[in-house]
Protein backbone atom coordinates (compact mmCIF):
# COMPACT_ATOMS: atom_id res chain seq x y z
CA MET A 1 128.95 119.24 32.49
CA GLY A 2 125.16 118.49 32.28
CA GLY A 3 123.52 116.00 34.44
CA PRO A 4 123.36 112.39 33.32
CA THR A 5 120.67 111.87 31.09
CA PRO A 6 120.98 108.49 28.91
CA GLY A 7 117.63 108.54 27.54
CA GLY A 8 118.03 112.02 25.87
CA SER A 9 120.03 110.85 22.93
CA PRO A 10 122.13 107.89 21.55
CA VAL A 11 125.40 110.15 22.61
CA ALA A 12 124.42 110.16 26.06
CA PHE A 13 123.41 106.40 26.04
CA ALA A 14 126.84 106.06 25.05
CA GLY A 15 128.30 107.57 27.84
CA ALA A 16 126.18 105.81 30.48
CA THR A 17 127.41 102.66 29.09
CA ALA A 18 131.10 103.70 29.08
CA LEU A 19 130.47 104.57 32.77
CA THR A 20 128.91 100.97 33.45
CA VAL A 21 131.48 98.94 31.51
CA THR A 22 134.36 100.84 33.48
CA GLN A 23 132.72 100.10 36.87
CA VAL A 24 132.29 96.41 36.00
CA ALA A 25 135.95 96.06 34.88
CA ALA A 26 137.19 97.79 38.15
CA ALA A 27 136.33 94.52 39.83
CA LEU A 28 139.32 93.28 38.15
CA ILE A 29 141.25 96.48 37.64
CA PRO A 30 140.92 98.53 40.62
CA PRO A 31 142.51 101.90 39.44
CA ALA A 32 139.82 101.65 36.94
CA TRP A 33 137.21 102.79 39.43
CA THR A 34 138.69 105.97 39.97
CA THR A 35 138.35 106.47 36.14
CA SER A 36 134.78 105.67 36.33
CA VAL A 37 134.41 108.68 38.66
CA VAL A 38 135.89 110.83 36.36
CA MET A 39 133.25 109.60 33.95
CA TYR A 40 130.45 109.82 36.29
CA LEU A 41 131.23 113.38 36.32
CA ASN A 42 131.29 114.06 32.84
CA GLN A 43 128.01 112.31 32.02
CA CYS A 44 126.24 114.55 29.84
CA ASP A 45 123.86 114.97 26.73
CA PRO A 46 125.93 117.03 24.03
CA GLN A 47 122.93 116.38 21.48
CA ALA A 48 120.68 118.34 23.78
CA MET A 49 123.12 121.11 24.12
CA LEU A 50 123.37 121.34 20.14
CA ASP A 51 119.73 121.31 19.56
CA ALA A 52 119.53 124.29 21.83
CA GLY A 53 122.57 126.13 20.41
CA LEU A 54 120.91 125.42 16.75
CA LYS A 55 117.65 126.96 18.04
CA TRP A 56 119.33 129.97 18.99
CA ALA A 57 121.25 129.91 15.54
CA ASP A 58 117.66 129.73 13.96
CA ASN A 59 116.50 132.71 16.14
CA TYR A 60 119.18 134.61 14.75
CA ASP A 61 118.21 133.96 11.25
CA GLN A 62 114.66 134.75 12.07
CA LEU A 63 115.71 138.26 13.39
CA GLY A 64 117.77 138.79 10.23
CA ASN A 65 114.60 138.06 8.41
CA ALA A 66 112.69 140.73 10.48
CA GLN A 67 115.36 143.33 10.06
CA GLU A 68 115.19 142.70 6.43
CA ALA A 69 111.31 143.32 6.57
CA ALA A 70 111.79 146.37 8.77
CA ASN A 71 114.55 147.79 6.05
CA SER A 72 111.93 147.29 3.26
CA THR A 73 109.18 149.17 4.89
CA ASN A 74 110.65 152.62 4.11
CA LEU A 75 108.49 154.98 1.87
CA PRO A 76 110.04 157.76 -0.20
CA LYS A 77 109.95 161.08 1.57
CA ASP A 78 107.75 162.58 -1.37
CA GLU A 79 104.93 160.31 -0.56
CA TRP A 80 104.91 160.67 3.00
CA GLN A 81 106.13 164.13 4.92
CA GLY A 82 105.54 165.78 8.16
CA LYS A 83 105.93 165.10 11.99
CA ASP A 84 104.26 161.66 11.84
CA ARG A 85 106.97 160.54 9.13
CA ASP A 86 109.74 161.80 11.26
CA ALA A 87 108.28 160.01 14.32
CA TYR A 88 107.75 157.00 12.21
CA ASP A 89 111.46 157.07 10.85
CA ALA A 90 112.64 157.36 14.49
CA ARG A 91 110.80 154.49 15.75
CA ILE A 92 111.75 152.27 12.91
CA ASP A 93 115.36 153.10 13.55
CA GLU A 94 114.72 152.08 17.10
CA TYR A 95 113.16 148.84 16.09
CA ARG A 96 116.12 147.97 13.73
CA SER A 97 118.72 148.74 16.30
CA GLN A 98 116.81 146.51 18.92
CA ILE A 99 116.84 143.60 16.40
CA THR A 100 120.68 144.11 16.00
CA GLY A 101 120.88 143.70 19.63
CA SER A 102 119.00 140.73 19.92
CA LYS A 103 120.87 139.17 17.10
CA GLN A 104 124.20 139.59 18.71
CA LEU A 105 122.63 138.12 21.78
CA ALA A 106 121.55 135.03 19.81
CA PHE A 107 124.71 134.69 18.00
CA ALA A 108 126.93 134.65 21.34
CA VAL A 109 124.39 132.15 22.94
CA GLY A 110 124.33 129.97 19.93
CA SER A 111 127.85 129.96 19.31
CA ALA A 112 128.77 129.18 22.71
CA MET A 113 126.30 126.16 23.27
CA THR A 114 127.26 124.91 19.92
CA ILE A 115 130.99 124.80 20.97
CA THR A 116 130.51 123.39 24.14
CA ALA A 117 128.33 120.52 22.72
CA ALA A 118 130.85 119.70 20.13
CA LEU A 119 133.69 119.58 23.11
CA CYS A 120 131.30 117.30 25.25
CA PHE A 121 130.86 115.01 22.39
CA LEU A 122 134.41 114.51 21.99
CA VAL A 123 134.68 113.81 25.85
CA VAL A 124 131.88 111.03 25.38
CA VAL A 125 133.80 109.63 22.51
CA ALA A 126 137.02 109.54 24.71
CA MET A 127 135.08 108.00 27.34
CA VAL A 128 133.84 105.03 24.94
CA VAL A 129 137.11 104.34 23.67
CA ILE A 130 138.79 104.16 26.98
CA ALA A 131 135.70 101.96 28.27
CA ALA A 132 136.27 99.48 25.44
CA LEU A 133 140.02 99.42 25.97
CA ILE A 134 139.64 98.88 29.90
CA ALA A 135 137.05 96.14 29.30
CA LEU A 136 139.63 94.32 27.03
CA TYR A 137 142.28 94.65 29.85
CA ALA A 138 139.92 93.32 32.07
CA VAL A 139 139.35 90.07 30.22
CA TYR A 140 143.21 89.87 30.03
CA VAL A 141 143.40 90.07 33.72
CA ALA A 142 140.83 87.52 34.01
CA ALA A 143 142.62 85.12 31.69
CA ALA A 144 145.79 85.83 33.92
CA LEU A 145 143.57 84.75 36.97
CA ALA A 146 142.95 81.60 35.39
CA GLY A 147 146.73 80.95 34.97
CA LEU A 148 146.99 81.67 31.10
CA PHE A 149 149.20 84.58 31.77
CA THR A 150 151.50 85.95 34.32
CA TYR A 151 148.82 87.60 37.02
CA PRO A 152 151.28 90.28 38.58
CA ALA A 153 152.61 91.73 35.44
CA VAL A 154 149.25 91.76 33.64
CA LEU A 155 147.56 93.46 36.66
CA ALA A 156 150.31 95.89 36.85
CA SER A 157 150.02 96.75 33.02
CA ALA A 158 146.27 97.07 33.44
CA SER A 159 146.56 99.24 36.37
CA ALA A 160 148.97 101.47 34.52
CA PHE A 161 146.60 102.02 31.82
CA ALA A 162 143.79 102.94 33.78
CA ILE A 163 145.86 105.46 35.97
CA GLU A 164 146.72 107.03 32.38
CA CYS A 165 143.19 107.06 31.20
CA THR A 166 141.97 108.68 34.38
CA SER A 167 144.99 111.34 33.80
CA PHE A 168 143.61 111.92 30.41
CA LEU A 169 140.03 112.18 31.20
CA GLU A 170 140.77 114.85 34.04
CA SER A 171 142.80 116.74 31.71
CA VAL A 172 140.35 116.74 28.69
CA SER A 173 137.12 117.47 31.05
CA GLY A 174 139.22 120.31 32.69
CA LEU A 175 139.81 122.05 29.34
CA VAL A 176 136.08 121.59 28.51
CA ALA A 177 134.96 123.05 31.77
CA SER A 178 137.37 125.99 31.18
CA VAL A 179 135.93 126.52 27.66
CA ALA A 180 132.54 126.06 29.00
CA ALA A 181 132.87 128.52 31.93
CA GLY A 182 134.17 130.87 29.21
CA GLY A 183 131.07 130.37 27.06
CA ALA A 184 128.83 131.14 30.24
CA ALA A 185 131.01 134.23 30.74
CA VAL A 186 130.32 135.21 27.25
CA ILE A 187 126.62 134.80 27.48
CA THR A 188 126.27 136.89 30.65
CA GLY A 189 128.37 139.49 28.98
CA ALA A 190 126.19 139.36 25.88
CA MET A 191 122.81 139.45 27.93
CA ALA A 192 124.31 142.55 29.93
CA LEU A 193 125.26 144.26 26.69
CA ASP A 194 121.79 143.47 25.27
CA ILE A 195 120.09 144.88 28.10
CA GLY A 196 121.92 148.16 27.94
CA TRP A 197 121.76 148.13 24.30
CA GLN A 198 117.77 147.84 24.13
CA LYS A 199 117.65 150.60 26.85
CA ALA A 200 119.56 153.05 24.98
CA HIS A 201 117.55 152.33 21.58
CA GLY A 202 114.01 152.77 23.21
CA ASN A 203 113.26 149.37 24.61
CA ASP A 204 112.27 150.50 28.24
CA ALA A 205 111.09 147.20 29.05
CA ALA A 206 114.38 145.22 28.37
CA LEU A 207 115.12 145.36 32.28
CA ASP A 208 111.60 144.40 33.38
CA ASP A 209 111.89 141.35 30.67
CA PHE A 210 115.20 140.17 32.18
CA LYS A 211 113.99 140.27 35.61
CA ASN A 212 110.81 138.25 34.63
CA GLY A 213 113.07 135.86 32.78
CA LEU A 214 115.47 135.41 35.83
CA ARG A 215 112.17 135.11 38.13
CA ASP A 216 110.66 132.37 35.76
CA ALA A 217 114.19 130.58 35.84
CA SER A 218 114.80 130.92 39.65
CA ASP A 219 113.24 127.63 40.65
CA ASN A 220 115.34 125.66 37.76
CA MET A 221 118.59 127.51 39.09
CA VAL A 222 118.08 126.50 42.60
CA TRP A 223 117.12 122.75 41.74
CA GLY A 224 120.14 122.72 39.38
CA THR A 225 122.59 123.75 42.27
CA ILE A 226 121.28 121.25 44.55
CA SER A 227 121.41 118.69 41.97
CA ARG A 228 124.97 119.51 41.31
CA LEU A 229 125.92 119.24 44.92
CA GLU A 230 124.25 115.92 45.02
CA ARG A 231 126.45 114.80 42.03
CA THR A 232 129.60 116.07 43.70
CA ALA A 233 128.68 114.43 47.01
CA THR A 234 127.94 111.02 44.76
CA ALA A 235 131.29 111.31 43.48
CA ALA A 236 133.22 111.95 46.53
CA LEU A 237 131.50 108.80 48.15
CA MET A 238 132.67 107.07 44.96
CA LYS A 239 136.16 107.71 46.07
CA VAL A 240 135.62 106.36 49.71
CA GLY A 241 137.39 102.82 50.37
CA GLY A 242 140.48 100.77 50.11
CA GLY A 243 141.54 98.42 47.46
CA THR A 244 139.83 95.51 46.08
CA PRO A 245 140.92 91.75 47.56
CA LEU A 246 142.81 91.28 44.31
CA GLY A 247 145.23 94.18 45.14
CA ARG A 248 144.83 94.23 48.93
CA ASN A 249 148.45 93.13 49.33
CA ASP A 250 150.01 95.66 47.06
CA PRO A 251 149.93 99.25 48.21
CA ALA A 252 150.15 100.74 44.83
CA LEU A 253 146.59 99.08 44.03
CA ARG A 254 144.87 100.32 47.26
CA MET A 255 142.39 102.71 45.24
CA PRO A 256 138.79 102.86 45.33
CA SER A 257 136.59 100.11 44.00
CA PRO A 258 133.19 99.00 44.10
CA VAL A 259 134.17 95.51 45.99
CA GLY A 260 133.00 95.76 49.78
CA ASN A 261 133.21 99.28 50.73
CA PRO A 262 131.34 102.46 50.84
CA ALA A 263 132.29 103.21 47.18
CA ARG A 264 130.08 100.29 45.96
CA GLY A 265 127.24 102.28 47.46
CA GLY A 266 128.18 105.59 45.95
CA GLY A 267 128.80 103.99 42.56
CA SER A 268 125.36 102.17 42.57
CA LEU A 269 123.80 105.46 43.32
CA GLY A 270 125.56 107.41 40.60
CA THR A 271 124.91 104.74 38.12
CA SER A 272 121.19 104.32 38.82
CA GLY A 273 120.98 108.15 38.55
CA VAL A 274 122.55 107.95 35.08
CA TRP A 275 120.22 105.28 33.89
CA THR A 276 117.05 106.61 35.45
CA GLY A 277 117.42 110.12 33.72
CA GLY A 278 118.79 111.98 36.78
CA ASN A 279 119.79 111.91 40.27
CA ILE A 280 117.42 112.13 43.18
CA THR A 281 117.26 116.17 43.21
CA ASP A 282 116.36 115.86 39.48
CA HIS A 283 113.41 113.38 40.32
CA PHE A 284 112.20 115.61 43.10
CA ALA A 285 112.40 118.53 40.83
CA GLY A 286 110.56 116.75 38.02
CA ALA A 287 107.72 116.03 40.41
CA ALA A 288 107.45 119.30 41.95
CA GLY A 289 107.09 120.99 38.43
CA ASP A 290 107.51 124.61 37.47
CA LYS A 291 105.69 126.51 40.29
CA ASN A 292 107.11 130.21 39.14
CA LYS A 293 105.97 130.59 35.85
CA ARG A 294 105.25 133.99 34.98
CA ASP A 295 101.35 133.79 34.14
CA GLU A 296 100.85 131.05 36.70
CA GLY A 297 101.77 129.52 40.00
CA LEU A 298 103.47 131.72 42.65
CA PHE A 299 104.13 134.77 40.97
CA GLU A 300 100.95 135.80 38.93
CA ASP A 301 100.93 138.76 36.65
CA PRO A 302 98.82 141.61 37.62
CA PRO A 303 95.46 141.61 35.52
CA ALA A 304 95.67 144.06 32.54
CA GLU A 305 93.64 147.24 33.11
């Protein structure tokens, strides 16, 4: 999943809200804290992924237009003959083939990102629904504490529901992660095939272009890896601790909660990252900026001769 960025779109905002609501409800329903940990790990911005996928789809269409334009540039043989014509035909054929390879890559990337975005959207919807139901259960538990209902029975029912929600979210997010990993594999394979295709059809600069692109993205890859490690560590911290005072005498309810243990610090750290557009690493990365662009910074292209 992508990093938590509620400012990115209403969908991401909804996911962040679901996380916060569930954490608050966990003060009354201890197992809901574990549900919030899963929600934290699934914070994402499906709209941003969809927008990127649609841009690749637009690139596919534009490449198709370029291919049609190339097809319409042929002149009848009787109007132009000779070695120049043969060289032109060979070059335009290579150009068409190169466009075909680029179209295949654009289709693969656009499709993978669009499918992943749709699945992430469903995860956010599930989190919102679950958070709303857990909030209602929290109100029910609060009413039981006030003596309106039988507290042990109400707490047991609410806790069982939260545990089921955690299991459901873990299953769904695991499925989405598998699909996303498959999409990443498809994109990687498509890129490798495109490089080979381009080289085989006259684009000798294809491999150098790939290396330059990889170099340009290297700092983002490093920051992204560090950010993911921080997010994983924060989620692990959120799991530290015992039960809340409400469930301390019931072994079945001795689960991580935000009340009086290190999990509260992890929860605060994670939630603050969600609502401020990124964790500590993300903010450092934003302040550092992009230092290895192809035409500036650490890696400057040699001057043209």
